[in-house]
Protein backbone atom coordinates (compact mmCIF):
# COMPACT_ATOMS: atom_id res chain seq x y z
CA UNK A 1 0.00 0.00 0.00
CA UNK A 2 1.41 3.40 -0.98
CA UNK A 3 1.65 6.42 1.30
CA UNK A 4 -1.13 8.02 -0.72
CA UNK A 5 -3.40 5.01 -0.23
CA UNK A 6 -2.70 5.02 3.50
CA UNK A 7 -3.66 8.69 3.59
CA UNK A 8 -7.09 7.79 2.25
CA UNK A 9 -8.03 6.46 5.66
CA UNK A 10 -8.05 9.95 7.11
CA UNK A 11 -7.74 12.55 4.40
CA UNK A 12 -11.41 13.44 4.08
CA UNK A 13 -11.99 13.73 7.80
CA UNK A 14 -10.58 17.23 8.13
CA UNK A 15 -13.91 18.87 8.77
CA UNK A 16 -16.04 16.35 10.58
CA UNK A 17 -14.29 13.87 12.84
CA UNK A 18 -13.87 14.82 16.50
CA UNK A 19 -11.54 17.70 17.37
CA UNK A 20 -9.94 17.83 13.94
CA UNK A 21 -8.91 20.90 11.99
CA UNK A 22 -6.97 22.19 9.10
CA UNK A 23 -4.63 24.83 10.46
CA UNK A 24 -3.39 27.30 7.85
CA UNK A 25 -1.57 29.93 9.87
CA UNK A 26 0.66 31.82 7.51
CA UNK A 27 1.14 29.23 4.79
CA UNK A 28 2.25 30.82 1.55
CA UNK A 29 2.60 30.06 -2.14
CA UNK A 30 3.99 26.59 -2.64
CA UNK A 31 6.30 27.52 -5.51
CA UNK A 32 6.38 29.46 -8.72
CA UNK A 33 4.08 27.95 -11.26
CA UNK A 34 1.62 28.42 -14.04
CA UNK A 35 -2.11 28.77 -14.04
CA UNK A 36 -4.98 26.35 -13.94
CA UNK A 37 -5.93 23.57 -16.30
CA UNK A 38 -8.04 26.07 -18.12
CA UNK A 39 -5.03 26.63 -20.40
CA UNK A 40 -4.31 30.13 -19.08
CA UNK A 41 -0.75 29.14 -18.19
CA UNK A 42 1.86 26.45 -18.69
CA UNK A 43 0.94 23.95 -15.99
CA UNK A 44 -1.55 21.27 -16.94
CA UNK A 45 -2.63 17.95 -15.56
CA UNK A 46 -1.10 14.97 -17.37
CA UNK A 47 -3.35 12.80 -19.50
CA UNK A 48 -3.13 9.77 -17.25
CA UNK A 49 -5.77 7.98 -15.15
CA UNK A 50 -4.54 9.78 -12.02
CA UNK A 51 -4.25 13.09 -13.89
CA UNK A 52 -7.82 12.83 -15.14
CA UNK A 53 -9.20 12.26 -11.64
CA UNK A 54 -7.03 15.06 -10.26
CA UNK A 55 -8.35 17.41 -12.94
CA UNK A 56 -11.91 16.56 -11.89
CA UNK A 57 -11.08 17.29 -8.26
CA UNK A 58 -9.48 20.60 -9.25
CA UNK A 59 -12.57 21.53 -11.28
CA UNK A 60 -14.73 20.70 -8.25
CA UNK A 61 -12.70 23.14 -6.13
CA UNK A 62 -13.33 25.83 -8.76
CA UNK A 63 -17.07 25.08 -9.15
CA UNK A 64 -16.66 23.89 -12.72
CA UNK A 65 -18.43 20.71 -11.64
CA UNK A 66 -21.88 21.05 -10.13
CA UNK A 67 -21.55 18.09 -7.77
CA UNK A 68 -21.51 18.59 -4.01
CA UNK A 69 -18.24 17.34 -2.44
CA UNK A 70 -19.98 14.33 -0.92
CA UNK A 71 -21.50 13.44 -4.29
CA UNK A 72 -18.04 13.73 -5.86
CA UNK A 73 -16.70 11.17 -3.40
CA UNK A 74 -19.67 8.88 -4.07
CA UNK A 75 -19.12 8.97 -7.84
CA UNK A 76 -15.32 9.13 -8.06
CA UNK A 77 -13.92 7.13 -5.16
CA UNK A 78 -13.44 3.38 -4.84
CA UNK A 79 -15.42 1.15 -2.54
CA UNK A 80 -12.24 0.53 -0.55
CA UNK A 81 -11.73 4.24 -0.02
CA UNK A 82 -15.33 4.77 1.03
CA UNK A 83 -15.16 1.85 3.44
CA UNK A 84 -12.12 3.41 5.18
CA UNK A 85 -13.69 6.84 5.57
CA UNK A 86 -17.00 7.17 7.47
CA UNK A 87 -19.84 8.27 5.18
CA UNK A 88 -20.60 11.30 7.31
CA UNK A 89 -17.03 12.48 6.61
CA UNK A 90 -17.16 12.27 2.81
CA UNK A 91 -16.30 15.56 1.20
CA UNK A 92 -15.57 17.40 4.46
CA UNK A 93 -11.99 18.34 3.64
CA UNK A 94 -12.94 19.40 0.13
CA UNK A 95 -15.68 21.65 1.44
CA UNK A 96 -13.40 23.16 4.07
CA UNK A 97 -10.63 24.00 1.59
CA UNK A 98 -13.17 25.49 -0.83
CA UNK A 99 -14.58 27.67 1.92
CA UNK A 100 -11.17 28.88 3.00
CA UNK A 101 -9.48 29.68 -0.26
CA UNK A 102 -11.32 28.97 -3.55
CA UNK A 103 -10.93 29.69 -6.44
CA UNK A 104 -7.53 28.20 -7.24
CA UNK A 105 -4.80 28.11 -9.85
CA UNK A 106 -2.83 24.96 -10.55
CA UNK A 107 0.63 25.95 -9.34
CA UNK A 108 2.58 22.81 -10.13
CA UNK A 109 2.46 19.09 -10.80
CA UNK A 110 5.04 17.69 -8.40
CA UNK A 111 4.86 13.97 -9.14
CA UNK A 112 3.09 11.97 -11.81
CA UNK A 113 2.76 8.38 -12.86
CA UNK A 114 -0.28 6.60 -14.29
CA UNK A 115 -1.84 5.77 -10.94
CA UNK A 116 -0.51 8.47 -8.57
CA UNK A 117 -0.18 12.23 -8.81
CA UNK A 118 0.94 14.98 -6.44
CA UNK A 119 0.13 18.59 -7.28
CA UNK A 120 -0.13 22.01 -5.67
CA UNK A 121 -3.02 24.44 -5.95
CA UNK A 122 -2.77 28.12 -5.05
CA UNK A 123 -5.61 30.41 -3.97
CA UNK A 124 -6.18 33.25 -6.42
CA UNK A 125 -7.23 35.65 -3.67
CA UNK A 126 -5.89 34.53 -0.27
CA UNK A 127 -2.25 33.58 -0.75
CA UNK A 128 -2.77 30.02 0.52
CA UNK A 129 -1.53 26.89 -1.17
CA UNK A 130 -2.40 23.23 -0.66
CA UNK A 131 -0.43 20.15 -1.66
CA UNK A 132 -2.74 17.37 -2.81
CA UNK A 133 -1.97 13.73 -3.51
CA UNK A 134 -4.35 11.45 -5.40
CA UNK A 135 -4.01 7.75 -6.14
CA UNK A 136 -6.32 5.72 -8.37
CA UNK A 137 -7.02 2.04 -8.85
CA UNK A 138 -4.92 0.49 -11.64
CA UNK A 139 -7.93 -1.09 -13.31
CA UNK A 140 -10.56 0.88 -15.25
CA UNK A 141 -12.49 3.04 -14.46
CA UNK A 142 -9.55 4.08 -12.23
CA UNK A 143 -11.57 5.23 -9.23
CA UNK A 144 -9.80 7.27 -6.56
CA UNK A 145 -8.31 5.00 -3.91
CA UNK A 146 -6.64 7.70 -1.77
CA UNK A 147 -6.52 11.45 -1.28
CA UNK A 148 -4.42 13.62 1.01
CA UNK A 149 -4.54 17.37 1.53
CA UNK A 150 -2.08 19.53 3.43
CA UNK A 151 -1.06 23.19 3.51
CA UNK A 152 1.96 23.89 1.33
CA UNK A 153 4.76 26.41 1.40
CA UNK A 154 6.89 28.01 4.09
CA UNK A 155 5.21 28.88 7.35
CA UNK A 156 6.73 32.36 7.25
CA UNK A 157 4.10 33.48 4.83
CA UNK A 158 6.80 34.73 2.44
CA UNK A 159 6.17 34.02 -1.22
CA UNK A 160 8.28 31.43 -2.91
CA UNK A 161 11.14 32.34 -5.16
CA UNK A 162 9.92 33.99 -8.31
CA UNK A 163 6.63 35.14 -6.82
CA UNK A 164 5.86 38.79 -6.13
CA UNK A 165 5.52 39.80 -2.53
CA UNK A 166 2.01 40.28 -1.28
CA UNK A 167 1.43 44.00 -0.97
CA UNK A 168 -0.12 44.78 2.39
CA UNK A 169 -3.43 46.55 2.16
CA UNK A 170 -4.21 49.41 4.49
CA UNK A 171 -7.46 48.74 6.32
CA UNK A 172 -9.59 51.73 7.27
CA UNK A 173 -8.49 53.40 10.47
CA UNK A 174 -12.07 53.20 11.72
CA UNK A 175 -13.48 49.91 10.36
CA UNK A 176 -17.16 49.86 9.51
CA UNK A 177 -18.31 47.42 12.18
CA UNK A 178 -21.92 48.17 11.26
CA UNK A 179 -21.40 46.30 7.98
CA UNK A 180 -19.96 43.33 9.85
CA UNK A 181 -22.85 43.35 12.31
CA UNK A 182 -25.39 43.50 9.48
CA UNK A 183 -23.65 40.61 7.75
CA UNK A 184 -23.70 38.48 10.91
CA UNK A 185 -27.38 39.24 11.49
CA UNK A 186 -28.14 38.21 7.93
CA UNK A 187 -26.25 34.94 8.36
CA UNK A 188 -28.04 34.28 11.66
CA UNK A 189 -31.42 34.72 9.98
CA UNK A 190 -30.33 32.26 7.30
CA UNK A 191 -29.37 29.71 9.97
CA UNK A 192 -25.66 29.94 9.14
CA UNK A 193 -24.49 31.68 12.32
CA UNK A 194 -25.06 30.17 15.73
CA UNK A 195 -22.34 31.22 18.10
CA UNK A 196 -20.20 34.24 18.99
CA UNK A 197 -18.05 36.45 16.76
CA UNK A 198 -15.50 38.91 18.10
CA UNK A 199 -13.42 41.50 16.28
CA UNK A 200 -10.69 43.33 18.19
CA UNK A 201 -7.88 45.73 17.39
CA UNK A 202 -4.81 45.96 19.58
CA UNK A 203 -6.59 43.78 22.11
CA UNK A 204 -9.65 46.03 22.37
CA UNK A 205 -12.99 44.59 21.20
CA UNK A 206 -14.62 46.50 18.35
CA UNK A 207 -17.52 44.11 17.86
CA UNK A 208 -18.96 41.23 19.87
CA UNK A 209 -22.05 39.51 18.48
CA UNK A 210 -23.83 36.33 19.50
CA UNK A 211 -26.69 34.53 17.80
CA UNK A 212 -28.53 31.24 17.87
CA UNK A 213 -29.06 28.76 20.66
CA UNK A 214 -26.52 27.11 22.93
CA UNK A 215 -29.21 24.55 23.76
CA UNK A 216 -32.24 23.98 21.57
CA UNK A 217 -33.62 21.64 24.20
CA UNK A 218 -33.83 24.46 26.76
CA UNK A 219 -34.02 27.42 24.35
CA UNK A 220 -30.85 28.83 25.95
CA UNK A 221 -29.30 31.52 23.74
CA UNK A 222 -25.64 31.82 22.84
CA UNK A 223 -24.04 34.78 24.62
CA UNK A 224 -20.59 36.24 25.09
CA UNK A 225 -20.23 33.93 28.11
CA UNK A 226 -20.99 30.74 26.16
CA UNK A 227 -18.19 28.19 26.03
CA UNK A 228 -17.73 26.51 22.64
CA UNK A 229 -15.83 23.41 21.63
CA UNK A 230 -12.66 24.69 19.95
CA UNK A 231 -11.93 21.63 17.85
CA UNK A 232 -8.26 21.58 16.94
CA UNK A 233 -7.65 25.24 17.70
CA UNK A 234 -6.47 24.25 21.14
CA UNK A 235 -3.63 22.28 19.53
CA UNK A 236 -2.05 25.70 19.84
CA UNK A 237 -2.14 25.36 23.64
CA UNK A 238 -0.27 22.06 23.39
CA UNK A 239 2.32 23.56 21.05
CA UNK A 240 2.91 26.52 23.36
CA UNK A 241 3.24 24.15 26.33
CA UNK A 242 5.96 22.21 24.49
CA UNK A 243 7.72 25.46 23.60
CA UNK A 244 7.63 26.50 27.26
CA UNK A 245 9.54 23.33 28.11
CA UNK A 246 11.96 24.04 25.26
CA UNK A 247 12.46 27.60 26.48
CA UNK A 248 13.12 26.30 29.99
CA UNK A 249 15.86 24.02 28.66
CA UNK A 250 13.97 20.87 29.62
CA UNK A 251 13.31 19.71 26.04
CA UNK A 252 15.27 20.05 22.82
CA UNK A 253 13.15 20.83 19.77
CA UNK A 254 15.19 18.40 17.65
CA UNK A 255 15.62 15.75 20.32
CA UNK A 256 14.19 12.29 19.60
CA UNK A 257 11.04 11.60 21.58
CA UNK A 258 12.65 8.43 22.89
CA UNK A 259 14.89 10.62 25.04
CA UNK A 260 11.82 11.46 27.13
CA UNK A 261 9.29 8.69 26.45
CA UNK A 262 9.98 4.95 26.69
CA UNK A 263 6.55 3.97 25.35
CA UNK A 264 7.52 3.37 21.73
CA UNK A 265 9.63 0.85 19.83
CA UNK A 266 13.26 1.98 19.82
CA UNK A 267 13.37 2.77 16.11
CA UNK A 268 10.31 5.05 16.35
CA UNK A 269 11.55 6.68 19.54
CA UNK A 270 14.88 7.40 17.85
CA UNK A 271 13.50 8.73 14.55
CA UNK A 272 10.59 10.91 15.63
CA UNK A 273 11.74 14.30 16.88
CA UNK A 274 9.87 16.73 19.10
CA UNK A 275 9.61 19.13 16.16
CA UNK A 276 7.88 16.43 14.09
CA UNK A 277 5.04 16.26 16.60
CA UNK A 278 4.30 19.95 16.15
CA UNK A 279 4.71 20.32 12.38
CA UNK A 280 2.80 17.08 11.68
CA UNK A 281 5.71 15.35 9.95
CA UNK A 282 6.13 12.54 12.50
CA UNK A 283 4.84 9.81 10.19
CA UNK A 284 1.75 9.29 12.33
CA UNK A 285 -1.61 10.37 10.98
CA UNK A 286 -4.92 10.12 12.79
CA UNK A 287 -6.32 7.26 14.80
CA UNK A 288 -10.05 7.52 14.15
CA UNK A 289 -10.18 4.15 12.41
CA UNK A 290 -8.01 2.32 14.95
CA UNK A 291 -9.92 -0.70 16.32
CA UNK A 292 -9.04 0.08 19.94
CA UNK A 293 -10.23 3.67 19.57
CA UNK A 294 -13.49 2.60 17.95
CA UNK A 295 -14.14 0.07 20.69
CA UNK A 296 -13.17 2.28 23.64
CA UNK A 297 -13.86 5.83 22.38
CA UNK A 298 -16.33 6.64 25.15
CA UNK A 299 -13.88 5.56 27.85
CA UNK A 300 -10.86 7.67 26.80
CA UNK A 301 -10.40 10.62 29.13
CA UNK A 302 -6.68 10.89 29.89
CA UNK A 303 -3.45 11.08 27.93
CA UNK A 304 -2.53 7.63 29.25
CA UNK A 305 -5.81 6.24 27.93
CA UNK A 306 -4.77 7.29 24.42
CA UNK A 307 -1.17 6.14 24.79
CA UNK A 308 -2.45 2.64 25.56
CA UNK A 309 -2.98 2.08 21.83
CA UNK A 310 -0.97 4.88 20.20
CA UNK A 311 2.28 3.40 21.55
CA UNK A 312 1.85 0.46 19.16
CA UNK A 313 0.81 2.43 16.08
CA UNK A 314 3.24 2.14 13.15
CA UNK A 315 4.43 5.14 11.16
CA UNK A 316 3.02 5.78 7.70
CA UNK A 317 6.28 7.29 6.42
CA UNK A 318 9.76 8.29 7.54
CA UNK A 319 9.65 11.18 10.04
CA UNK A 320 10.42 14.51 8.41
CA UNK A 321 9.89 13.19 4.86
CA UNK A 322 6.58 15.00 4.47
CA UNK A 323 3.61 16.04 6.57
CA UNK A 324 0.07 14.87 7.02
CA UNK A 325 -2.64 15.87 9.44
CA UNK A 326 -1.74 14.22 12.73
CA UNK A 327 -3.87 14.22 15.83
CA UNK A 328 -1.76 11.27 16.93
CA UNK A 329 1.37 13.41 17.03
CA UNK A 330 -0.30 15.95 19.31
CA UNK A 331 -1.50 13.20 21.65
CA UNK A 332 2.15 12.14 21.92
CA UNK A 333 3.09 15.77 22.58
CA UNK A 334 0.66 15.67 25.50
CA UNK A 335 2.43 12.61 26.88
CA UNK A 336 5.76 14.43 26.48
CA UNK A 337 4.43 17.39 28.47
CA UNK A 338 3.28 15.10 31.28
CA UNK A 339 6.57 13.20 31.44
CA UNK A 340 8.86 16.23 31.43
CA UNK A 341 6.78 18.52 33.65
CA UNK A 342 5.60 15.86 36.07
CA UNK A 343 2.08 17.31 35.82
CA UNK A 344 -1.16 16.00 34.40
CA UNK A 345 -1.57 17.50 30.92
CA UNK A 346 -4.85 19.25 31.73
CA UNK A 347 -3.45 20.66 34.99
CA UNK A 348 -0.43 21.94 33.08
CA UNK A 349 -2.58 23.79 30.52
CA UNK A 350 -4.68 25.32 33.29
CA UNK A 351 -1.64 26.43 35.32
CA UNK A 352 0.84 27.40 32.63
CA UNK A 353 -1.39 28.64 29.78
CA UNK A 354 -4.82 29.62 31.05
CA UNK A 355 -3.89 31.15 34.41
CA UNK A 356 -1.10 33.47 33.13
CA UNK A 357 -3.34 34.57 30.23
CA UNK A 358 -6.33 35.18 32.51
CA UNK A 359 -8.47 32.57 30.74
CA UNK A 360 -10.95 31.56 33.42
CA UNK A 361 -13.52 30.00 31.06
CA UNK A 362 -11.24 27.61 29.17
CA UNK A 363 -10.76 23.92 29.93
CA UNK A 364 -11.24 20.39 28.63
CA UNK A 365 -14.51 19.51 30.31
CA UNK A 366 -15.78 15.99 30.79
CA UNK A 367 -19.13 15.70 29.03
CA UNK A 368 -20.65 14.12 32.14
CA UNK A 369 -19.83 17.18 34.26
CA UNK A 370 -22.34 19.95 34.89
CA UNK A 371 -20.62 22.96 33.30
CA UNK A 372 -22.41 26.29 33.09
CA UNK A 373 -22.77 28.10 29.76
CA UNK A 374 -21.53 25.17 27.68
CA UNK A 375 -22.83 25.11 24.13
CA UNK A 376 -24.25 21.90 22.68
CA UNK A 377 -23.09 21.26 19.14
CA UNK A 378 -25.66 20.65 16.40
CA UNK A 379 -24.80 18.66 13.31
CA UNK A 380 -26.20 17.60 9.98
CA UNK A 381 -23.65 14.78 9.85
CA UNK A 382 -25.39 12.03 11.76
CA UNK A 383 -25.37 8.29 11.05
CA UNK A 384 -29.16 8.17 11.20
CA UNK A 385 -29.80 11.03 8.79
CA UNK A 386 -27.35 12.19 6.15
CA UNK A 387 -29.77 14.60 4.49
CA UNK A 388 -30.64 17.02 7.30
CA UNK A 389 -29.85 20.69 6.69
CA UNK A 390 -31.23 22.28 9.85
CA UNK A 391 -28.56 21.18 12.37
CA UNK A 392 -31.02 19.10 14.35
CA UNK A 393 -28.74 16.45 15.82
CA UNK A 394 -26.94 17.00 19.13
CA UNK A 395 -23.27 15.99 19.07
CA UNK A 396 -22.92 15.17 22.78
CA UNK A 397 -22.45 11.43 22.31
CA UNK A 398 -20.85 11.61 18.88
CA UNK A 399 -17.69 13.31 20.12
CA UNK A 400 -15.19 11.89 22.57
CA UNK A 401 -16.10 12.35 26.25
CA UNK A 402 -13.29 14.80 26.89
CA UNK A 403 -10.89 16.98 24.97
CA UNK A 404 -7.30 15.88 24.42
CA UNK A 405 -3.93 17.47 23.58
CA UNK A 406 -5.08 17.28 19.94
CA UNK A 407 -8.23 19.34 20.56
CA UNK A 408 -11.77 19.36 21.84
CA UNK A 409 -11.39 21.71 24.80
CA UNK A 410 -13.80 24.61 25.34
CA UNK A 411 -13.39 28.36 25.51
CA UNK A 412 -15.18 31.65 25.05
CA UNK A 413 -14.44 34.33 22.48
CA UNK A 414 -13.26 36.60 25.29
CA UNK A 415 -10.81 34.02 26.59
CA UNK A 416 -9.44 33.45 23.09
CA UNK A 417 -8.80 37.18 22.81
CA UNK A 418 -6.87 36.97 26.10
CA UNK A 419 -4.86 34.08 24.66
CA UNK A 420 -4.02 36.16 21.60
CA UNK A 421 -2.93 39.05 23.81
CA UNK A 422 -0.78 36.74 25.93
CA UNK A 423 0.98 35.44 22.79
CA UNK A 424 1.57 38.92 21.40
CA UNK A 425 2.95 40.20 24.70
CA UNK A 426 5.30 37.30 25.33
CA UNK A 427 3.51 36.37 28.53
CA UNK A 428 3.45 32.66 27.67
CA UNK A 429 6.71 32.26 25.75
CA UNK A 430 9.30 34.70 24.48
CA UNK A 431 9.34 36.28 21.05
CA UNK A 432 11.71 33.70 19.59
CA UNK A 433 9.27 30.89 20.36
CA UNK A 434 6.25 32.92 19.26
CA UNK A 435 7.99 33.54 15.92
CA UNK A 436 8.81 29.83 15.66
CA UNK A 437 5.12 29.07 16.21
CA UNK A 438 4.11 31.63 13.57
CA UNK A 439 6.68 30.16 11.17
CA UNK A 440 4.86 26.85 11.34
CA UNK A 441 7.66 25.26 13.44
CA UNK A 442 10.03 25.53 10.49
CA UNK A 443 13.64 26.63 10.66
CA UNK A 444 15.30 27.42 13.97
CA UNK A 445 13.96 29.00 17.11
CA UNK A 446 15.18 32.56 16.76
CA UNK A 447 14.50 32.87 13.03
CA UNK A 448 12.51 36.06 12.44
CA UNK A 449 8.89 36.01 11.39
CA UNK A 450 7.70 38.62 8.90
CA UNK A 451 3.90 38.78 8.63
CA UNK A 452 2.70 38.97 5.06
CA UNK A 453 -0.95 38.14 5.58
CA UNK A 454 -3.51 37.22 8.20
CA UNK A 455 -2.67 34.02 10.10
CA UNK A 456 -5.64 31.70 10.23
CA UNK A 457 -6.44 28.50 12.07
CA UNK A 458 -9.68 26.57 12.20
CA UNK A 459 -11.24 23.73 14.13
CA UNK A 460 -14.02 21.37 13.20
CA UNK A 461 -15.99 18.28 14.13
CA UNK A 462 -19.63 17.24 14.12
CA UNK A 463 -21.39 20.33 15.44
CA UNK A 464 -18.11 22.22 15.88
CA UNK A 465 -16.77 24.99 13.66
CA UNK A 466 -14.29 27.57 14.93
CA UNK A 467 -12.01 30.20 13.42
CA UNK A 468 -9.13 32.15 14.95
CA UNK A 469 -7.31 34.76 12.87
CA UNK A 470 -4.46 37.05 13.90
CA UNK A 471 -3.44 40.04 11.81
CA UNK A 472 0.04 40.85 13.06
CA UNK A 473 0.52 43.79 10.69
CA UNK A 474 -2.42 45.89 11.86
CA UNK A 475 -3.27 44.43 15.27
CA UNK A 476 -6.60 42.80 14.41
CA UNK A 477 -7.96 39.62 15.97
CA UNK A 478 -10.97 37.80 14.51
CA UNK A 479 -12.58 35.01 16.50
CA UNK A 480 -15.66 33.06 15.42
CA UNK A 481 -16.90 30.20 17.60
CA UNK A 482 -19.99 28.28 16.51
CA UNK A 483 -21.90 25.15 17.48
CA UNK A 484 -22.59 24.16 13.85
CA UNK A 485 -20.75 22.00 11.34
CA UNK A 486 -17.79 23.23 9.34
CA UNK A 487 -17.34 25.38 7.35
CA UNK A 488 -19.72 27.75 9.18
CA UNK A 489 -17.09 29.65 11.20
CA UNK A 490 -14.54 29.59 8.38
CA UNK A 491 -16.94 31.27 5.95
CA UNK A 492 -17.95 33.86 8.53
CA UNK A 493 -14.37 34.60 9.56
CA UNK A 494 -13.08 34.96 6.01
CA UNK A 495 -15.90 37.34 5.14
CA UNK A 496 -15.17 39.46 8.23
CA UNK A 497 -11.53 39.68 7.13
CA UNK A 498 -12.72 40.98 3.75
CA UNK A 499 -15.05 43.50 5.35
CA UNK A 500 -12.16 44.77 7.46
CA UNK A 501 -10.18 45.34 4.28
CA UNK A 502 -7.39 43.01 5.39
CA UNK A 503 -7.27 41.21 2.03
Foldseek 3Di string as FASTA:
>chain_A
DALQLVQLLPALQQFAAFLHHAFFFQFFDQAAAFWACVPPTDAHFDPALQSVLVNVLLCVLACVDVDQQLVNCVPFADPQSPVSYDSLSGRNVSQQCSLQADDWTFGHWDDDDRFKTWTKIAGPPARWMKIKIWGFDPDPPGGTSGMHIHTHHWLLNAYHPPDDFFDFDDFDPQFDVVVLVVVQVVCLVVLLAAEWKWKDFLLHTPDIDHHDALDPVVRHGHDLLAKFFFRQPLLVLLLLLVVLCVQVVLFPQFAFCCVQDVLAPPVLSRQAGNLCLQLQQSQAAECPSPPVCVVCQQPDDFLVSVSVPLRPDDGSDGRPPDHGHHLSSLSVSQVSSCRRVVDGSQVCSVVQQCVLLVFPFKGWDFLVDDDPNYGWAFACSDPVHVPDDNSHDTCSVVHGRTAGSSTGIIGGPSSVSSNVVCLVVCSRHHPLSSQCVSRSVDDDRVDGRDDRAKTKIWRHHGQWTWIWIADPVRRMIITGTGRYTPPSHSNSRVVVCVSSVRD
